[in-house]
Protein backbone atom coordinates (compact mmCIF):
# COMPACT_ATOMS: atom_id res chain seq x y z
CA UNK A 1 -0.04 0.03 0.03
CA UNK A 2 3.05 2.30 0.52
CA UNK A 3 4.42 1.99 -2.84
CA UNK A 4 0.71 2.32 -4.32
CA UNK A 5 0.28 5.60 -2.22
CA UNK A 6 4.05 6.79 -3.20
CA UNK A 7 3.39 6.01 -6.85
CA UNK A 8 -0.03 8.20 -6.71
CA UNK A 9 1.67 11.24 -4.90
CA UNK A 10 4.38 11.09 -7.28
CA UNK A 11 1.99 10.82 -10.46
CA UNK A 12 0.26 13.76 -9.37
CA UNK A 13 3.07 16.16 -8.95
CA UNK A 14 5.18 14.88 -12.60
CA UNK A 15 2.16 14.38 -14.91
CA UNK A 16 0.74 17.87 -15.23
CA UNK A 17 2.56 21.14 -16.00
CA UNK A 18 0.00 23.52 -17.09
CA UNK A 19 -2.74 25.40 -15.32
CA UNK A 20 -6.68 25.17 -14.90
CA UNK A 21 -8.28 22.13 -15.44
CA UNK A 22 -7.62 19.91 -18.52
CA UNK A 23 -9.42 17.14 -19.32
CA UNK A 24 -7.25 13.82 -21.01
CA UNK A 25 -7.75 10.32 -22.76
CA UNK A 26 -5.68 8.20 -20.72
CA UNK A 27 -5.31 4.58 -20.83
CA UNK A 28 -5.13 2.62 -17.82
CA UNK A 29 -2.70 -0.43 -16.88
CA UNK A 30 -5.29 -2.45 -14.99
CA UNK A 31 -8.43 -0.98 -17.08
CA UNK A 32 -8.26 -2.00 -20.78
CA UNK A 33 -11.64 0.23 -21.52
CA UNK A 34 -9.07 3.03 -20.73
CA UNK A 35 -10.82 6.42 -18.81
CA UNK A 36 -11.34 10.26 -18.98
CA UNK A 37 -9.62 11.65 -16.20
CA UNK A 38 -10.30 14.69 -14.17
CA UNK A 39 -6.72 16.88 -13.62
CA UNK A 40 -7.13 20.15 -12.01
CA UNK A 41 -3.65 22.10 -10.74
CA UNK A 42 -3.41 25.35 -8.94
CA UNK A 43 -7.15 25.74 -8.77
CA UNK A 44 -9.73 24.51 -7.45
CA UNK A 45 -11.96 21.15 -8.40
CA UNK A 46 -15.42 20.21 -7.61
CA UNK A 47 -17.50 16.81 -8.52
CA UNK A 48 -21.00 17.58 -8.62
CA UNK A 49 -23.42 15.30 -7.29
CA UNK A 50 -24.74 14.16 -10.79
CA UNK A 51 -21.06 13.63 -12.18
CA UNK A 52 -19.02 10.93 -13.19
CA UNK A 53 -15.25 10.71 -13.25
CA UNK A 54 -14.64 7.56 -15.21
CA UNK A 55 -10.99 7.37 -14.73
CA UNK A 56 -8.57 9.09 -11.49
CA UNK A 57 -9.45 12.37 -10.22
CA UNK A 58 -6.32 14.68 -9.45
CA UNK A 59 -6.26 17.89 -8.05
CA UNK A 60 -2.68 19.52 -7.28
CA UNK A 61 -2.42 23.14 -5.37
CA UNK A 62 -5.81 23.55 -4.77
CA UNK A 63 -9.09 22.73 -2.60
CA UNK A 64 -11.08 19.43 -3.89
CA UNK A 65 -14.72 18.76 -3.35
CA UNK A 66 -15.67 15.76 -4.37
CA UNK A 67 -19.71 14.96 -3.99
CA UNK A 68 -19.98 12.68 -7.26
CA UNK A 69 -18.36 9.33 -8.17
CA UNK A 70 -14.84 8.32 -8.93
CA UNK A 71 -14.33 5.13 -11.02
CA UNK A 72 -10.91 5.24 -10.07
CA UNK A 73 -8.53 6.81 -7.34
CA UNK A 74 -8.84 10.25 -6.26
CA UNK A 75 -5.17 11.97 -5.45
CA UNK A 76 -4.98 15.63 -3.89
CA UNK A 77 -1.89 17.31 -2.84
CA UNK A 78 -1.55 20.52 -1.08
CA UNK A 79 -4.80 21.01 -0.51
CA UNK A 80 -7.74 20.37 1.28
CA UNK A 81 -10.27 17.77 0.60
CA UNK A 82 -13.89 17.12 1.43
CA UNK A 83 -15.75 14.37 0.33
CA UNK A 84 -19.13 12.95 -0.14
CA UNK A 85 -19.38 11.04 -2.61
CA UNK A 86 -18.59 7.58 -4.23
CA UNK A 87 -14.66 6.62 -5.16
CA UNK A 88 -14.27 3.20 -6.58
CA UNK A 89 -10.67 2.64 -5.46
CA UNK A 90 -7.90 4.52 -3.07
CA UNK A 91 -8.29 7.93 -1.64
CA UNK A 92 -4.96 9.72 -0.93
CA UNK A 93 -4.79 13.59 0.45
CA UNK A 94 -1.49 15.32 1.19
CA UNK A 95 -3.29 17.96 3.59
CA UNK A 96 -6.21 18.22 5.58
CA UNK A 97 -9.30 15.74 4.47
CA UNK A 98 -13.53 15.87 5.83
CA UNK A 99 -15.35 13.11 5.50
CA UNK A 100 -18.95 13.79 5.01
CA UNK A 101 -21.53 11.04 5.53
CA UNK A 102 -22.38 9.98 2.57
CA UNK A 103 -18.59 9.27 2.10
CA UNK A 104 -17.89 6.16 0.21
CA UNK A 105 -14.44 5.20 -0.57
CA UNK A 106 -13.99 1.52 -1.32
CA UNK A 107 -10.32 0.77 -0.88
CA UNK A 108 -7.81 2.35 1.49
CA UNK A 109 -8.15 6.33 2.83
CA UNK A 110 -4.61 7.63 3.27
CA UNK A 111 -3.98 11.49 4.97
CA UNK A 112 -1.20 13.37 5.72
CA UNK A 113 -2.42 15.89 7.58
CA UNK A 114 -5.46 16.63 9.99
CA UNK A 115 -8.52 13.91 9.54
CA UNK A 116 -12.20 14.01 10.42
CA UNK A 117 -14.17 11.62 9.63
CA UNK A 118 -18.60 11.65 10.03
CA UNK A 119 -19.57 8.48 11.50
CA UNK A 120 -21.84 7.78 8.51
CA UNK A 121 -18.66 7.12 6.36
CA UNK A 122 -17.65 4.15 4.66
CA UNK A 123 -14.06 3.17 3.86
CA UNK A 124 -13.59 -0.45 2.58
CA UNK A 125 -10.09 -1.21 4.03
CA UNK A 126 -8.17 0.97 6.68
CA UNK A 127 -7.27 4.42 6.88
CA UNK A 128 -3.70 5.34 7.35
CA UNK A 129 -3.05 9.10 9.10
CA UNK A 130 0.07 9.12 10.79
CA UNK A 131 0.11 11.75 13.73
CA UNK A 132 3.06 12.66 13.84
CA UNK A 133 3.44 13.69 10.22
CA UNK A 134 0.53 16.13 10.31
CA UNK A 135 2.66 19.20 11.78
CA UNK A 136 4.79 18.80 8.61
CA UNK A 137 1.91 19.71 6.40
CA UNK A 138 1.70 23.54 8.25
CA UNK A 139 4.21 25.32 5.62
CA UNK A 140 2.04 23.83 2.46
CA UNK A 141 -1.11 24.97 4.41
CA UNK A 142 0.60 28.29 4.32
CA UNK A 143 1.78 28.10 0.61
CA UNK A 144 -2.16 27.38 -0.16
CA UNK A 145 -3.56 30.16 1.68
CA UNK A 146 -1.10 32.89 -0.03
CA UNK A 147 -1.81 30.96 -3.57
CA UNK A 148 -5.54 30.92 -2.83
CA UNK A 149 -5.55 34.77 -1.69
CA UNK A 150 -3.96 36.51 -4.55
CA UNK A 151 -0.78 34.22 -5.37
CA UNK A 152 -2.20 32.58 -8.50
CA UNK A 153 -2.85 36.33 -9.31
CA UNK A 154 0.96 37.50 -9.30
CA UNK A 155 0.31 39.20 -5.56
CA UNK A 156 3.11 38.50 -3.37
CA UNK A 157 1.18 40.97 -0.26
CA UNK A 158 -2.46 40.55 -0.62
CA UNK A 159 -4.57 42.22 1.99
CA UNK A 160 -6.54 38.81 3.41
CA UNK A 161 -7.16 38.17 7.17
CA UNK A 162 -5.30 34.20 6.92
CA UNK A 163 -2.44 36.15 5.68
CA UNK A 164 -1.14 37.95 9.01
CA UNK A 165 1.90 35.89 9.35
CA UNK A 166 2.89 36.50 5.69
CA UNK A 167 3.00 40.10 6.51
CA UNK A 168 4.23 39.49 9.99
CA UNK A 169 7.21 37.72 8.80
CA UNK A 170 8.27 40.42 5.85
CA UNK A 171 7.58 43.78 8.35
CA UNK A 172 9.89 41.29 10.41
CA UNK A 173 12.44 41.29 7.69
CA UNK A 174 12.19 44.22 6.70
CA UNK A 175 13.05 45.63 10.58
CA UNK A 176 16.14 43.23 10.19
CA UNK A 177 17.64 44.90 6.66
CA UNK A 178 17.17 48.02 8.58
CA UNK A 179 18.68 47.16 11.74
CA UNK A 180 21.85 45.71 9.45
CA UNK A 181 21.96 48.72 7.32
CA UNK A 182 22.46 50.77 10.75
CA UNK A 183 25.56 48.03 12.09
CA UNK A 184 27.38 48.10 9.17
CA UNK A 185 26.23 50.69 6.69
CA UNK A 186 29.25 51.02 4.63
CA UNK A 187 29.53 47.38 4.43
CA UNK A 188 25.87 47.91 3.24
CA UNK A 189 26.79 50.73 0.50
CA UNK A 190 29.72 48.62 -0.97
CA UNK A 191 27.20 45.16 -1.00
CA UNK A 192 24.63 47.79 -3.49
CA UNK A 193 28.00 49.10 -5.31
CA UNK A 194 29.15 45.75 -5.89
CA UNK A 195 25.78 45.01 -7.85
CA UNK A 196 26.26 47.89 -9.85
CA UNK A 197 29.63 47.22 -10.79
CA UNK A 198 29.70 43.25 -11.02
CA UNK A 199 26.81 41.84 -12.18
CA UNK A 200 28.57 38.41 -13.36
CA UNK A 201 30.29 38.06 -9.87
CA UNK A 202 26.59 38.53 -8.25
CA UNK A 203 25.25 35.23 -10.23
CA UNK A 204 28.26 33.42 -10.28
CA UNK A 205 29.10 33.80 -6.17
CA UNK A 206 25.01 33.11 -5.79
CA UNK A 207 25.34 30.19 -7.61
CA UNK A 208 28.97 28.77 -5.96
CA UNK A 209 26.93 29.53 -2.45
CA UNK A 210 23.76 27.87 -3.56
CA UNK A 211 26.06 24.20 -4.01
CA UNK A 212 28.18 24.90 -1.11
CA UNK A 213 26.00 25.92 1.19
CA UNK A 214 23.78 22.75 1.08
CA UNK A 215 27.00 20.45 0.59
CA UNK A 216 28.86 21.83 3.60
CA UNK A 217 25.32 21.37 5.71
CA UNK A 218 25.37 17.99 4.56
CA UNK A 219 28.57 17.27 5.05
CA UNK A 220 28.56 18.63 8.93
CA UNK A 221 25.38 16.55 9.45
CA UNK A 222 27.36 13.28 7.81
CA UNK A 223 30.15 13.21 10.80
CA UNK A 224 27.40 12.89 13.26
CA UNK A 225 28.81 15.02 15.44
CA UNK A 226 27.58 18.42 13.68
CA UNK A 227 24.55 17.93 13.35
CA UNK A 228 23.51 20.06 16.38
CA UNK A 229 25.82 22.81 14.78
CA UNK A 230 24.60 22.41 11.22
CA UNK A 231 21.02 22.54 12.82
CA UNK A 232 21.84 26.02 14.01
CA UNK A 233 23.32 27.09 11.35
CA UNK A 234 21.11 26.29 8.57
CA UNK A 235 18.61 28.95 9.13
CA UNK A 236 21.67 31.57 9.66
CA UNK A 237 23.31 30.75 6.43
CA UNK A 238 20.58 31.25 4.40
CA UNK A 239 18.12 33.92 6.34
CA UNK A 240 20.86 36.54 7.37
CA UNK A 241 22.32 36.70 3.46
CA UNK A 242 18.84 37.51 2.89
CA UNK A 243 18.32 40.01 5.34
CA UNK A 244 21.86 41.73 4.55
CA UNK A 245 21.39 41.55 0.94
CA UNK A 246 18.11 43.20 1.00
CA UNK A 247 19.72 46.12 2.74
CA UNK A 248 21.84 46.51 0.12
CA UNK A 249 19.30 46.34 -2.66
CA UNK A 250 16.60 48.85 -0.76
CA UNK A 251 19.93 50.81 0.32
CA UNK A 252 21.24 51.22 -3.34
CA UNK A 253 16.94 52.10 -5.18
CA UNK A 254 16.60 54.95 -2.05
CA UNK A 255 19.56 56.63 -2.50
CA UNK A 256 19.81 56.52 -6.91
CA UNK A 257 16.07 57.33 -6.55
CA UNK A 258 15.85 59.93 -3.66
CA UNK A 259 19.80 60.66 -3.52
CA UNK A 260 22.90 59.69 -2.54
CA UNK A 261 23.49 61.39 0.78
CA UNK A 262 21.03 59.34 2.46
CA UNK A 263 21.82 57.32 5.70
CA UNK A 264 21.95 53.54 4.63
CA UNK A 265 19.37 53.17 7.50
CA UNK A 266 16.99 55.12 5.84
CA UNK A 267 17.64 54.41 2.65
CA UNK A 268 16.15 50.87 3.89
CA UNK A 269 13.70 52.38 5.12
CA UNK A 270 12.70 53.83 2.15
CA UNK A 271 13.19 51.08 -0.42
CA UNK A 272 11.71 48.61 1.55
CA UNK A 273 8.86 50.65 1.40
CA UNK A 274 9.28 51.23 -2.22
CA UNK A 275 9.79 47.08 -2.68
CA UNK A 276 6.51 46.46 -0.61
CA UNK A 277 4.39 48.76 -2.56
CA UNK A 278 5.13 46.97 -5.52
CA UNK A 279 4.98 43.21 -4.04
CA UNK A 280 1.21 44.41 -3.47
CA UNK A 281 0.52 44.95 -7.58
CA UNK A 282 -0.93 42.02 -9.35
CA UNK A 283 0.90 40.32 -12.20
CA UNK A 284 3.89 41.86 -10.86
CA UNK A 285 4.41 41.85 -7.33
CA UNK A 286 5.38 38.29 -6.75
CA UNK A 287 8.04 38.21 -9.68
CA UNK A 288 9.02 41.14 -8.22
CA UNK A 289 9.61 40.46 -4.84
CA UNK A 290 11.07 36.37 -5.76
CA UNK A 291 13.69 38.17 -7.74
CA UNK A 292 14.64 40.34 -5.50
CA UNK A 293 15.36 37.90 -2.89
CA UNK A 294 17.61 35.98 -5.43
CA UNK A 295 19.59 39.10 -6.25
CA UNK A 296 19.83 39.59 -2.19
CA UNK A 297 20.66 35.83 -1.55
CA UNK A 298 23.55 36.69 -4.19
CA UNK A 299 25.16 39.87 -3.19
CA UNK A 300 25.25 38.95 0.25
CA UNK A 301 27.73 36.05 -0.66
CA UNK A 302 29.53 38.05 -3.45
CA UNK A 303 30.42 41.02 -0.77
CA UNK A 304 31.83 38.08 1.38
CA UNK A 305 33.99 36.86 -1.21
CA UNK A 306 35.38 39.74 -2.76
CA UNK A 307 37.23 42.70 -1.75
CA UNK A 308 35.78 45.51 0.13
CA UNK A 309 37.89 47.99 -1.85
CA UNK A 310 34.91 49.58 -3.67
CA UNK A 311 35.24 51.62 -6.73
CA UNK A 312 34.21 55.89 -5.73
CA UNK A 313 30.43 56.64 -6.88
CA UNK A 314 30.95 59.90 -6.50
CA UNK A 315 32.45 59.65 -9.96
CA UNK A 316 36.22 59.10 -10.78
CA UNK A 317 38.71 60.65 -9.57
CA UNK A 318 40.33 63.45 -10.96
CA UNK A 319 43.66 62.92 -12.71
CA UNK A 320 46.20 64.60 -11.00
CA UNK A 321 47.31 68.23 -12.74
CA UNK A 322 50.62 68.34 -14.25
CA UNK A 323 52.43 71.05 -16.08
CA UNK A 324 53.20 71.02 -19.76
CA UNK A 325 55.32 72.92 -21.01
CA UNK A 326 54.17 75.72 -23.18
CA UNK A 327 54.28 75.10 -27.01
CA UNK A 328 54.88 77.93 -28.93
CA UNK A 329 52.76 78.67 -31.91
CA UNK A 330 54.67 78.32 -35.61
CA UNK A 331 53.90 81.90 -36.10
CA UNK A 332 54.92 84.06 -33.43
CA UNK A 333 57.71 81.83 -33.02
CA UNK A 334 61.56 83.01 -33.70
CA UNK A 335 62.91 81.38 -37.27
CA UNK A 336 65.11 78.53 -37.00
CA UNK A 337 67.52 80.79 -38.34
CA UNK A 338 67.57 84.22 -37.36
CA UNK A 339 69.02 87.58 -39.25
CA UNK A 340 72.27 88.66 -37.17
CA UNK A 341 71.46 92.02 -35.31
CA UNK A 342 73.12 94.54 -37.35
CA UNK A 343 73.89 97.92 -35.38
CA UNK A 344 74.18 100.76 -37.48
CA UNK A 345 77.66 101.44 -38.68
CA UNK A 346 79.46 104.23 -36.64
CA UNK A 347 81.14 107.18 -38.71
CA UNK A 348 84.56 106.38 -40.11
CA UNK A 349 87.35 107.64 -38.68
CA UNK A 350 88.76 109.06 -41.80
CA UNK A 351 85.63 111.53 -42.51
CA UNK A 352 83.43 109.01 -44.94
CA UNK A 353 79.89 109.37 -44.36
CA UNK A 354 77.86 106.92 -43.35
CA UNK A 355 75.45 107.47 -46.16
CA UNK A 356 78.16 105.71 -48.59
CA UNK A 357 78.22 102.45 -46.20
CA UNK A 358 76.66 99.27 -48.13
CA UNK A 359 72.77 98.70 -46.60
CA UNK A 360 72.24 95.81 -44.32
CA UNK A 361 71.49 92.79 -45.68
CA UNK A 362 67.49 91.63 -45.21
CA UNK A 363 66.35 89.04 -42.72
CA UNK A 364 65.72 85.63 -44.49
CA UNK A 365 62.06 85.59 -43.16
CA UNK A 366 59.72 87.69 -41.69
CA UNK A 367 59.18 86.58 -38.33
CA UNK A 368 55.23 87.59 -38.85
CA UNK A 369 55.17 84.93 -41.00
CA UNK A 370 55.06 81.43 -41.28
CA UNK A 371 58.23 79.33 -42.88
CA UNK A 372 57.31 77.68 -46.38
CA UNK A 373 57.86 74.69 -45.04
CA UNK A 374 55.09 74.43 -42.24
CA UNK A 375 52.34 72.16 -42.64
CA UNK A 376 48.93 72.18 -40.59
CA UNK A 377 48.85 68.92 -38.52
CA UNK A 378 45.88 66.37 -39.08
CA UNK A 379 42.99 66.89 -36.74
CA UNK A 380 43.50 64.67 -33.61
CA UNK A 381 40.81 61.61 -34.03
CA UNK A 382 37.80 61.17 -32.21
CA UNK A 383 37.76 59.16 -28.41
CA UNK A 384 34.82 57.96 -28.08
CA UNK A 385 35.43 56.81 -24.65
CA UNK A 386 35.34 60.43 -23.50
CA UNK A 387 31.77 61.18 -25.54
CA UNK A 388 28.39 60.99 -22.78
CA UNK A 389 26.96 57.88 -22.19
CA UNK A 390 23.49 56.86 -24.03
CA UNK A 391 20.61 56.47 -21.66
CA UNK A 392 17.86 54.04 -20.90
CA UNK A 393 15.16 55.67 -23.46
CA UNK A 394 17.20 55.93 -26.42
CA UNK A 395 19.06 52.49 -26.19
CA UNK A 396 15.41 51.55 -26.05
CA UNK A 397 14.50 53.00 -29.16
CA UNK A 398 17.52 52.08 -30.94
CA UNK A 399 16.50 48.29 -29.83
CA UNK A 400 12.83 48.29 -31.01
CA UNK A 401 13.91 49.59 -34.36
CA UNK A 402 16.40 46.83 -34.82
CA UNK A 403 13.44 44.53 -33.17
CA UNK A 404 11.29 45.62 -35.81
CA UNK A 405 13.33 45.66 -38.91
CA UNK A 406 14.40 42.48 -38.14
CA UNK A 407 11.30 41.44 -37.93
CA UNK A 408 9.89 42.37 -41.25
CA UNK A 409 13.17 40.98 -42.66
CA UNK A 410 12.31 37.46 -41.40
CA UNK A 411 8.81 38.40 -42.35
CA UNK A 412 9.68 38.43 -46.10
CA UNK A 413 12.03 35.45 -45.68
CA UNK A 414 9.11 33.05 -44.09
CA UNK A 415 7.11 34.27 -46.51
CA UNK A 416 9.39 33.43 -49.32
CA UNK A 417 10.72 30.29 -48.29
CA UNK A 418 8.38 28.65 -45.77
CA UNK A 419 8.67 27.74 -42.54
CA UNK A 420 8.49 29.59 -38.79
CA UNK A 421 11.44 29.95 -36.56
CA UNK A 422 9.78 30.91 -33.58
CA UNK A 423 10.41 33.17 -30.32
CA UNK A 424 13.49 31.67 -29.87
CA UNK A 425 15.08 31.07 -33.50
CA UNK A 426 13.78 35.58 -33.76
CA UNK A 427 16.17 36.35 -30.50
CA UNK A 428 18.84 34.22 -32.35
CA UNK A 429 18.86 35.86 -35.92
CA UNK A 430 18.31 39.38 -33.47
CA UNK A 431 21.56 38.41 -31.82
CA UNK A 432 23.52 37.43 -34.94
CA UNK A 433 22.28 40.63 -36.65
CA UNK A 434 23.63 42.75 -33.39
CA UNK A 435 27.05 40.51 -33.47
CA UNK A 436 27.58 41.43 -37.29
CA UNK A 437 26.78 45.20 -37.49
CA UNK A 438 28.72 45.74 -34.02
CA UNK A 439 32.29 43.65 -35.64
CA UNK A 440 32.15 45.56 -38.64
CA UNK A 441 30.43 49.20 -38.32
CA UNK A 442 30.13 49.46 -34.24
CA UNK A 443 26.49 50.03 -34.31
CA UNK A 444 23.07 48.82 -35.52
CA UNK A 445 20.59 50.23 -38.18
CA UNK A 446 18.57 51.46 -35.26
CA UNK A 447 22.26 52.98 -33.11
CA UNK A 448 22.75 54.90 -36.82
CA UNK A 449 19.27 56.58 -37.06
CA UNK A 450 19.50 57.35 -32.73
CA UNK A 451 23.22 58.18 -33.32
CA UNK A 452 24.58 55.92 -30.88
CA UNK A 453 27.83 53.87 -31.21
CA UNK A 454 29.21 50.47 -29.27
CA UNK A 455 32.98 50.86 -27.53
CA UNK A 456 35.21 49.28 -25.98
CA UNK A 457 36.29 50.67 -22.32
CA UNK A 458 40.01 49.48 -23.07
CA UNK A 459 39.80 52.16 -26.54
CA UNK A 460 40.05 49.19 -28.90
CA UNK A 461 38.12 48.36 -31.74
CA UNK A 462 35.24 45.90 -31.70
CA UNK A 463 36.39 42.58 -32.61
CA UNK A 464 34.82 39.42 -33.16
CA UNK A 465 35.21 38.06 -29.60
CA UNK A 466 33.91 41.41 -28.02
CA UNK A 467 30.90 41.48 -30.42
CA UNK A 468 30.10 37.46 -29.57
CA UNK A 469 30.26 37.89 -26.08
CA UNK A 470 28.11 41.08 -26.08
CA UNK A 471 25.61 39.50 -28.11
CA UNK A 472 25.36 36.46 -25.84
CA UNK A 473 25.28 38.01 -22.81
CA UNK A 474 21.76 39.83 -24.09
CA UNK A 475 20.14 36.34 -23.22
CA UNK A 476 21.40 36.69 -19.65
CA UNK A 477 20.21 40.52 -19.54
CA UNK A 478 16.91 39.25 -21.26
CA UNK A 479 16.54 35.85 -19.18
CA UNK A 480 16.48 37.41 -16.05
CA UNK A 481 13.10 39.24 -16.28
CA UNK A 482 14.92 42.00 -18.58
CA UNK A 483 16.43 43.14 -15.22
CA UNK A 484 19.86 43.37 -17.30
CA UNK A 485 18.48 45.93 -19.61
CA UNK A 486 16.72 48.00 -17.03
CA UNK A 487 20.19 48.25 -15.08
CA UNK A 488 21.12 50.98 -17.39
CA UNK A 489 18.60 53.04 -15.05
CA UNK A 490 20.26 52.39 -11.93
CA UNK A 491 23.92 52.37 -13.26
CA UNK A 492 26.09 55.63 -13.08
CA UNK A 493 27.61 54.60 -16.25
CA UNK A 494 24.35 53.94 -17.90
CA UNK A 495 25.69 49.84 -18.46
CA UNK A 496 23.67 47.23 -19.09
CA UNK A 497 24.97 44.13 -17.75
CA UNK A 498 26.04 42.67 -21.34
CA UNK A 499 27.89 45.97 -21.56
CA UNK A 500 29.79 44.76 -17.97
CA UNK A 501 30.36 41.29 -19.55
CA UNK A 502 31.64 42.23 -22.87
CA UNK A 503 33.80 45.69 -21.48
CA UNK A 504 31.35 47.67 -23.09
CA UNK A 505 29.31 51.00 -23.18
CA UNK A 506 26.87 52.85 -25.54
CA UNK A 507 27.85 56.66 -26.36
CA UNK A 508 25.98 59.24 -28.31
CA UNK A 509 28.48 59.73 -31.28
CA UNK A 510 27.64 63.88 -32.65
CA UNK A 511 29.27 62.87 -36.56
CA UNK A 512 27.12 61.59 -38.39
CA UNK A 513 27.22 57.24 -39.25
CA UNK A 514 26.65 55.33 -42.32
CA UNK A 515 26.18 51.66 -43.02
CA UNK A 516 28.61 52.38 -45.44
């Protein structure tokens, strides 16, 4: 029976991947006639009194109300089940179960949770209800309450009476982040700056900690002696980094939006309130909060393994002032071969008049005219690294122009050659288009229209490795909910994540550009 229970539970979790009610025709191993299974995921499932399910009835992360008839097994995972109908085989519930007076189960009942049974309810075989496992279902009950209150609409903080526990935990987390920012303000500021300067380091450090922390705890438990230490360290190594990382992110947001002179404690409070307001929004709040939690974890571990020295966020230091010798103007400078100074001749001692003396020779070159060999030096080349950085909106317009142009070209190709590349194929074509033009022209068609250029921070021209790495890194910026592109707003140098990974920047070019 235990193996059958585990099989049914695993089947209910693995067989369905889409949300909502779906009905499928599945062949049953022990029923050659097959059946129509009723499968509901992340929603409530109600079988009416006059309804008959010719197959299995499976409900995952939703409440089940079964008043009709199920010809096979009935399974409810992470929800509350109320059965007042007929089930021809087994009933398995991972959650709370209530058996009404008209409940009729021909075989076994397995309930991992609180079981309430009416005396009139009929169970053909045995009831398995391990009471010592009931407390393990409390987290799943909390998740189910959150999902039913607003989690299915994308809200992280819905307004519901049964979610007081979630509001309490969220406010306690915010208070702990504020306390950390007041105790170690400089470290909080450094961690936030690290998130802006080295996002790649942040992600890699978070992934390393995600693998290393559980492995270290497992090794401590394997020794047997360090099991109490592992139990104490587990919440510390998980919860404290999230509090610390949230303090860094909250402070960074407030100092960028309000002013950089805010104290980290005050900035953490303002940034936390802003994030909580975003967490209440439907279809966006849960994604925003969970993404922020992942970044907070990564930021905390990255700041732990990275040097404490951070760049000055007030701007790069001013270069030292060095005195250079003045370069004389070619017009005002003296000639290379100055003529000898000829003083007026004195009167001859023998009485010869001075007018009879030969006149002095004229100078070879006039000091008021440049020498004939002087050539105007060529104008210095434009240093693209010193040009102003392009902001978020101008870069967005250029990117939209490129996407539209590539979409039009793909439409013509598909109509002429046939076939459909799909979203993934379209993204690959956009990346290839951008990489080729970055290498050949240093910009794309959208960049030419918006007067933008892609430059390397070391001053060298864009080569193939840089163009390819930047194009591939765009997928990293896109797949993390587009945060890599939005990073242009918060970064003082207006660099996106793919700019930082490839060592590039986008500047506004004053000169007219062309494709040829």
